[in-house]
Amino acid sequence: MMVAADCLRLIAVGALAVAIVSDSIVFWAIAVVAFVEGTGNAVFTSAHDGAVRAVVPREQLPAAVAAQTGRRATATLAGPPIGGALFGVARSLPFVADAVSYAISTVSLLAMKVRFQEERDPDGGSIGERLSEGFRFLWGQPFLRTCAFLFGLANFVGPGLLLTVVVLGTHQGLSSGAVGILIAAFGACVLLGSFLSPFVRRALPVRAVLLLELWTWPGCAIYLVWPNVYVLIAGMLPTALVIPSTDSMVLALGIALTPDRLLGRSGAVRTTIALGIAPLGPLVAGVLLGAASGRATVALFAAFALALALWGTLSPSIRAAPSLDELRVDELRPQAEPFVE
């Protein structure tokens, strides 16, 4: 699945580069390629969790997830300026580089000799039945269910606040470059947080690490006292620092607690919840910024974040989250036995 997704994206992006070089590009082709890239990413991601568990020892899963968070932050920071520089050299060059990256990924995957999944009988069920099974499993595990909805809803806060920073910065008279630096500062702190993640996980219990991201988001409320976009981004940077630590624990426990054959299905359910909620943040932010004020917008997100933090703190399943030491034993697997054929 991962190789097929990479090959599909390589062909789509490569074809776009060829069309640009030949000066035969049409606008709708860009939208089609974007759709193919998004579809390929969904397929790649659904298979990714199983591959991670096959390659990474269970006790190292949190470190691996934190490293991946740092990698994504690096790509977010470096991608736009590198893409802009390549575009300045030749319009097709960013797409050529993107196609080459998929080729390198494909070769890397084919070179890995580790089996990416456990032995199992073929599943003849329909796609709907498989997704339904993934949802039933996720719903039947209190910890995984709580994390899916709790951190899925947290995706409402981050994108909404980042759009708010852009709009408020523009209204405050900042140049586009200055606004870009503010957004880049958030990404830089995520990258720094990935390096700090091992120390955080060693210093704090599992429950505290899970709650870090939730309790730092309400820090944006400092803007209500001092309505300045620099103050708003300063209130968000602590969250950026702890996102890799919380993500590493949430995703690592999710991988460890899920049977191999259900990783893609339950992961697809979690991703659907998260991606379904994420666009609502910018939508609500845009409506409020246009109809009310920056303070009202930030107040809404701060109140929503506080509600999530309280939910996580009071949740029995978060309180009973397994420790890192338990990741080293197979005692986690019996929770999923009723769903294993």
Protein backbone atom coordinates (compact mmCIF):
# COMPACT_ATOMS: atom_id res chain seq x y z
CA MET A 1 0.00 0.00 0.00
CA MET A 2 2.79 2.41 0.90
CA VAL A 3 4.76 1.69 -2.28
CA ALA A 4 1.62 1.93 -4.44
CA ALA A 5 0.71 5.27 -2.85
CA ASP A 6 4.20 6.64 -3.47
CA CYS A 7 4.23 5.44 -7.08
CA LEU A 8 0.82 6.95 -7.74
CA ARG A 9 1.94 10.32 -6.37
CA LEU A 10 5.23 10.13 -8.26
CA ILE A 11 3.35 9.66 -11.56
CA ALA A 12 0.84 12.44 -10.80
CA VAL A 13 3.40 15.04 -9.71
CA GLY A 14 5.82 14.01 -12.46
CA ALA A 15 3.09 14.45 -15.06
CA LEU A 16 2.40 17.93 -13.68
CA ALA A 17 6.09 18.82 -14.00
CA VAL A 18 6.11 17.59 -17.61
CA ALA A 19 3.00 19.62 -18.39
CA ILE A 20 4.64 22.76 -16.96
CA VAL A 21 7.85 22.20 -18.94
CA SER A 22 5.87 21.68 -22.15
CA ASP A 23 3.74 24.74 -21.38
CA SER A 24 0.54 22.71 -21.70
CA ILE A 25 -0.64 23.06 -18.10
CA VAL A 26 -4.32 23.79 -17.39
CA PHE A 27 -5.68 24.87 -14.04
CA TRP A 28 -7.96 21.87 -13.45
CA ALA A 29 -4.93 19.55 -13.74
CA ILE A 30 -3.44 21.14 -10.61
CA ALA A 31 -6.62 20.34 -8.66
CA VAL A 32 -6.58 16.74 -9.95
CA VAL A 33 -2.94 16.26 -8.89
CA ALA A 34 -3.71 17.76 -5.48
CA PHE A 35 -6.58 15.27 -5.09
CA VAL A 36 -4.34 12.36 -6.10
CA GLU A 37 -1.66 13.50 -3.65
CA GLY A 38 -4.22 13.73 -0.84
CA THR A 39 -5.62 10.30 -1.64
CA GLY A 40 -2.14 8.80 -1.76
CA ASN A 41 -1.33 10.38 1.59
CA ALA A 42 -4.45 8.83 3.13
CA VAL A 43 -3.51 5.37 1.86
CA PHE A 44 0.13 5.76 2.90
CA THR A 45 -0.83 6.94 6.38
CA SER A 46 -3.30 4.11 6.95
CA ALA A 47 -0.51 1.58 6.37
CA HIS A 48 2.14 3.60 8.17
CA ASP A 49 1.23 2.71 11.78
CA GLY A 50 1.55 -1.01 11.11
CA ALA A 51 4.91 -0.48 9.46
CA VAL A 52 6.15 1.56 12.44
CA ARG A 53 5.21 -1.18 14.90
CA ALA A 54 6.90 -3.80 12.72
CA VAL A 55 10.14 -1.83 12.50
CA VAL A 56 10.34 -0.11 15.90
CA PRO A 57 10.64 -2.01 19.23
CA ARG A 58 7.59 -1.33 21.37
CA GLU A 59 9.48 0.50 24.11
CA GLN A 60 10.89 2.89 21.50
CA LEU A 61 7.53 3.78 19.92
CA PRO A 62 7.15 7.12 21.76
CA ALA A 63 10.64 8.19 20.65
CA ALA A 64 9.88 7.17 17.07
CA VAL A 65 6.61 9.12 17.01
CA ALA A 66 8.32 12.20 18.49
CA ALA A 67 11.01 11.97 15.81
CA GLN A 68 8.33 11.85 13.12
CA THR A 69 6.65 14.91 14.61
CA GLY A 70 9.97 16.72 14.40
CA ARG A 71 10.42 15.60 10.82
CA ARG A 72 7.01 17.00 9.88
CA ALA A 73 7.86 20.28 11.64
CA THR A 74 11.12 20.46 9.68
CA ALA A 75 9.26 19.91 6.41
CA THR A 76 6.72 22.58 7.35
CA LEU A 77 9.48 25.07 8.07
CA ALA A 78 11.81 24.25 5.19
CA GLY A 79 9.28 23.33 2.49
CA PRO A 80 7.83 26.76 1.61
CA PRO A 81 11.16 28.65 1.31
CA ILE A 82 12.83 25.79 -0.56
CA GLY A 83 9.81 25.47 -2.85
CA GLY A 84 9.85 29.21 -3.46
CA ALA A 85 13.56 29.17 -4.25
CA LEU A 86 13.17 26.26 -6.68
CA PHE A 87 10.18 27.96 -8.32
CA GLY A 88 12.35 31.02 -8.83
CA VAL A 89 14.85 28.92 -10.77
CA ALA A 90 12.24 27.11 -12.87
CA ARG A 91 8.48 26.74 -12.47
CA SER A 92 8.65 22.97 -12.86
CA LEU A 93 11.56 22.44 -10.45
CA PRO A 94 9.53 22.17 -7.18
CA PHE A 95 7.38 19.44 -8.73
CA VAL A 96 10.42 17.60 -10.10
CA ALA A 97 11.93 17.65 -6.61
CA ASP A 98 8.64 16.40 -5.14
CA ALA A 99 8.50 13.52 -7.65
CA VAL A 100 12.12 12.61 -6.83
CA SER A 101 11.23 12.52 -3.12
CA TYR A 102 8.51 9.93 -3.83
CA ALA A 103 10.98 7.89 -5.87
CA ILE A 104 13.46 7.93 -2.96
CA SER A 105 10.70 6.92 -0.55
CA THR A 106 9.72 4.00 -2.78
CA VAL A 107 13.31 2.76 -3.05
CA SER A 108 13.74 3.09 0.72
CA LEU A 109 10.60 1.04 1.40
CA LEU A 110 11.62 -1.69 -1.04
CA ALA A 111 15.06 -1.85 0.59
CA MET A 112 13.57 -2.60 4.03
CA LYS A 113 13.56 -6.35 4.63
CA VAL A 114 11.44 -6.31 7.79
CA ARG A 115 7.91 -7.68 7.40
CA PHE A 116 5.44 -4.82 7.72
CA GLN A 117 2.60 -6.93 9.13
CA GLU A 118 1.90 -10.14 11.00
CA GLU A 119 0.85 -13.34 9.22
CA ARG A 120 -2.92 -13.49 8.87
CA ASP A 121 -5.64 -14.94 6.68
CA PRO A 122 -7.03 -12.77 3.88
CA ASP A 123 -10.04 -10.71 4.88
CA GLY A 124 -12.92 -10.96 2.43
CA GLY A 125 -15.06 -8.29 4.06
CA SER A 126 -16.13 -5.14 2.24
CA ILE A 127 -14.50 -1.78 2.90
CA GLY A 128 -17.55 -0.71 4.90
CA GLU A 129 -17.36 -3.83 7.07
CA ARG A 130 -13.65 -3.31 7.70
CA LEU A 131 -14.08 0.33 8.68
CA SER A 132 -17.03 -0.65 10.86
CA GLU A 133 -14.84 -3.21 12.62
CA GLY A 134 -12.18 -0.56 13.19
CA PHE A 135 -14.77 1.78 14.68
CA ARG A 136 -16.19 -0.96 16.94
CA PHE A 137 -12.73 -1.78 18.21
CA LEU A 138 -11.91 1.88 18.85
CA TRP A 139 -15.23 2.46 20.59
CA GLY A 140 -14.74 -0.64 22.75
CA GLN A 141 -11.41 0.61 24.14
CA PRO A 142 -12.09 3.46 26.63
CA PHE A 143 -8.59 4.92 26.43
CA LEU A 144 -8.39 4.86 22.63
CA ARG A 145 -11.94 6.19 22.30
CA THR A 146 -11.26 9.08 24.66
CA CYS A 147 -7.99 10.00 22.93
CA ALA A 148 -9.60 9.85 19.47
CA PHE A 149 -12.30 12.35 20.38
CA LEU A 150 -10.35 14.42 22.91
CA PHE A 151 -7.34 15.10 20.69
CA GLY A 152 -9.48 15.10 17.56
CA LEU A 153 -11.45 18.00 19.03
CA ALA A 154 -8.16 19.68 19.94
CA ASN A 155 -7.58 19.99 16.20
CA PHE A 156 -10.31 22.62 16.24
CA VAL A 157 -8.14 24.91 18.38
CA GLY A 158 -4.74 24.90 16.68
CA PRO A 159 -5.70 25.68 13.05
CA GLY A 160 -8.23 28.25 14.23
CA LEU A 161 -5.71 30.11 16.35
CA LEU A 162 -3.06 30.04 13.62
CA LEU A 163 -5.49 31.65 11.19
CA THR A 164 -6.34 34.18 13.90
CA VAL A 165 -2.64 35.05 14.20
CA VAL A 166 -2.46 35.69 10.44
CA VAL A 167 -5.56 37.91 10.41
CA LEU A 168 -4.72 39.84 13.59
CA GLY A 169 -1.13 40.31 12.47
CA THR A 170 -2.32 41.79 9.18
CA HIS A 171 -4.79 44.08 10.98
CA GLN A 172 -1.99 45.15 13.31
CA GLY A 173 0.02 46.34 10.31
CA LEU A 174 2.59 43.56 10.14
CA SER A 175 4.07 42.71 6.77
CA SER A 176 3.45 39.31 5.22
CA GLY A 177 7.04 38.40 6.06
CA ALA A 178 6.57 39.29 9.73
CA VAL A 179 3.38 37.24 9.90
CA GLY A 180 5.22 34.36 8.26
CA ILE A 181 7.92 34.57 10.93
CA LEU A 182 5.28 34.31 13.67
CA ILE A 183 3.84 31.16 12.11
CA ALA A 184 7.35 29.79 11.54
CA ALA A 185 8.14 30.38 15.23
CA PHE A 186 5.31 28.01 16.12
CA GLY A 187 6.72 25.36 13.78
CA ALA A 188 10.24 25.91 15.11
CA CYS A 189 9.01 25.28 18.66
CA VAL A 190 7.35 22.04 17.53
CA LEU A 191 10.72 20.99 16.10
CA LEU A 192 12.50 21.96 19.33
CA GLY A 193 9.85 20.09 21.30
CA SER A 194 10.63 16.88 19.42
CA PHE A 195 14.20 17.07 20.78
CA LEU A 196 12.92 17.79 24.30
CA SER A 197 10.34 15.00 24.18
CA PRO A 198 12.58 12.23 25.62
CA PHE A 199 13.39 14.37 28.66
CA VAL A 200 9.73 15.26 29.18
CA ARG A 201 8.63 11.62 29.01
CA ARG A 202 11.29 10.60 31.53
CA ALA A 203 10.47 13.44 33.91
CA LEU A 204 6.67 13.16 33.95
CA PRO A 205 4.15 10.34 34.39
CA VAL A 206 2.09 9.22 31.42
CA ARG A 207 -1.05 11.07 32.51
CA ALA A 208 0.84 14.37 32.88
CA VAL A 209 2.36 14.02 29.40
CA LEU A 210 -1.08 13.32 27.92
CA LEU A 211 -2.47 16.46 29.56
CA LEU A 212 0.41 18.79 28.65
CA GLU A 213 -0.94 19.85 25.28
CA LEU A 214 -4.48 20.24 26.61
CA TRP A 215 -3.49 22.52 29.51
CA THR A 216 -1.14 24.72 27.47
CA TRP A 217 -3.68 25.67 24.78
CA PRO A 218 -5.69 27.88 27.21
CA GLY A 219 -2.53 30.02 27.52
CA CYS A 220 -3.74 31.88 24.44
CA ALA A 221 -6.16 33.66 26.81
CA ILE A 222 -3.31 36.03 27.72
CA TYR A 223 -4.32 37.88 24.55
CA LEU A 224 -7.55 38.88 26.32
CA VAL A 225 -5.49 40.84 28.85
CA TRP A 226 -3.01 42.27 26.34
CA PRO A 227 -4.52 42.24 22.81
CA ASN A 228 -1.36 42.11 20.74
CA VAL A 229 -0.56 39.46 18.13
CA TYR A 230 2.94 38.97 19.56
CA VAL A 231 1.38 38.21 22.94
CA LEU A 232 -1.01 35.74 21.30
CA ILE A 233 1.76 33.79 19.59
CA ALA A 234 3.80 33.87 22.82
CA GLY A 235 0.83 32.27 24.59
CA MET A 236 0.76 29.52 21.93
CA LEU A 237 4.48 28.66 21.86
CA PRO A 238 4.41 26.53 25.06
CA THR A 239 1.86 24.31 23.32
CA ALA A 240 4.13 23.96 20.31
CA LEU A 241 6.92 22.80 22.62
CA VAL A 242 4.82 20.04 24.22
CA ILE A 243 2.87 18.82 21.16
CA PRO A 244 5.57 16.25 20.23
CA SER A 245 5.61 14.84 23.77
CA THR A 246 1.83 14.43 23.97
CA ASP A 247 1.58 13.13 20.41
CA SER A 248 4.35 10.63 21.02
CA MET A 249 2.46 9.16 23.97
CA VAL A 250 -0.99 9.19 22.36
CA LEU A 251 0.10 7.62 19.07
CA ALA A 252 2.55 5.15 20.61
CA LEU A 253 -0.05 3.80 23.03
CA GLY A 254 -2.58 3.65 20.20
CA ILE A 255 -0.22 1.54 18.10
CA ALA A 256 0.70 -0.72 21.02
CA LEU A 257 -2.89 -1.29 22.11
CA THR A 258 -4.26 -2.13 18.66
CA PRO A 259 -4.00 -5.57 17.00
CA ASP A 260 -1.89 -5.58 13.85
CA ARG A 261 -4.77 -6.37 11.50
CA LEU A 262 -6.86 -3.49 12.88
CA LEU A 263 -4.18 -0.79 12.89
CA GLY A 264 -5.14 0.62 9.50
CA ARG A 265 -8.86 0.43 10.20
CA SER A 266 -8.81 2.05 13.63
CA GLY A 267 -6.22 4.54 12.41
CA ALA A 268 -8.51 5.51 9.53
CA VAL A 269 -11.30 6.18 12.03
CA ARG A 270 -9.03 8.36 14.21
CA THR A 271 -7.78 10.25 11.16
CA THR A 272 -11.32 10.81 9.89
CA ILE A 273 -12.32 12.29 13.24
CA ALA A 274 -9.26 14.57 13.36
CA LEU A 275 -9.44 15.73 9.73
CA GLY A 276 -13.20 16.21 9.93
CA ILE A 277 -12.81 18.59 12.87
CA ALA A 278 -9.67 20.49 11.77
CA PRO A 279 -11.31 22.65 9.03
CA LEU A 280 -13.95 23.87 11.49
CA GLY A 281 -11.38 25.90 13.46
CA PRO A 282 -10.40 28.25 10.61
CA LEU A 283 -14.05 28.45 9.52
CA VAL A 284 -15.25 29.57 12.95
CA ALA A 285 -12.25 31.89 13.35
CA GLY A 286 -12.96 33.56 10.02
CA VAL A 287 -16.65 34.08 10.84
CA LEU A 288 -15.94 35.50 14.30
CA LEU A 289 -13.11 37.75 13.13
CA GLY A 290 -15.41 39.20 10.52
CA ALA A 291 -18.52 39.50 12.68
CA ALA A 292 -17.09 40.22 16.15
CA SER A 293 -13.51 40.91 17.26
CA GLY A 294 -10.14 39.32 17.86
CA ARG A 295 -10.80 39.13 21.58
CA ALA A 296 -14.10 37.32 21.08
CA THR A 297 -12.42 34.86 18.71
CA VAL A 298 -9.53 34.08 21.05
CA ALA A 299 -11.92 33.86 24.02
CA LEU A 300 -13.93 31.17 22.24
CA PHE A 301 -10.87 29.07 21.46
CA ALA A 302 -9.48 29.53 24.98
CA ALA A 303 -12.79 28.45 26.53
CA PHE A 304 -13.01 25.44 24.22
CA ALA A 305 -9.41 24.47 25.07
CA LEU A 306 -10.12 24.80 28.79
CA ALA A 307 -13.16 22.52 28.44
CA LEU A 308 -10.99 19.88 26.72
CA ALA A 309 -8.32 20.18 29.43
CA LEU A 310 -10.92 19.65 32.15
CA TRP A 311 -12.39 16.69 30.28
CA GLY A 312 -8.96 15.08 29.96
CA THR A 313 -8.11 15.72 33.61
CA LEU A 314 -11.37 14.20 34.87
CA SER A 315 -11.43 11.29 32.40
CA PRO A 316 -11.05 7.90 34.16
CA SER A 317 -9.48 6.36 31.04
CA ILE A 318 -6.79 9.06 30.87
CA ARG A 319 -6.19 8.64 34.60
CA ALA A 320 -5.74 4.88 34.08
CA ALA A 321 -3.54 5.20 30.99
CA PRO A 322 -0.88 2.44 30.85
CA SER A 323 2.66 3.41 31.80
CA LEU A 324 5.66 3.32 29.49
CA ASP A 325 6.95 0.23 31.28
CA GLU A 326 3.81 -1.63 30.26
CA LEU A 327 4.67 -1.05 26.62
CA ARG A 328 7.48 -3.58 27.05
CA VAL A 329 5.20 -6.50 27.86
CA ASP A 330 2.37 -8.21 26.06
CA GLU A 331 -0.18 -7.48 28.77
CA LEU A 332 -1.66 -4.77 26.56
CA ARG A 333 -2.78 -7.19 23.87
CA PRO A 334 -5.57 -9.03 25.80
CA GLN A 335 -7.76 -5.90 25.64
CA ALA A 336 -8.18 -6.51 21.94
CA GLU A 337 -8.69 -10.30 21.99
CA PRO A 338 -12.48 -10.24 21.48
CA PHE A 339 -11.90 -8.69 18.05
CA VAL A 340 -9.12 -11.04 16.89
CA GLU A 341 -10.14 -13.89 14.60
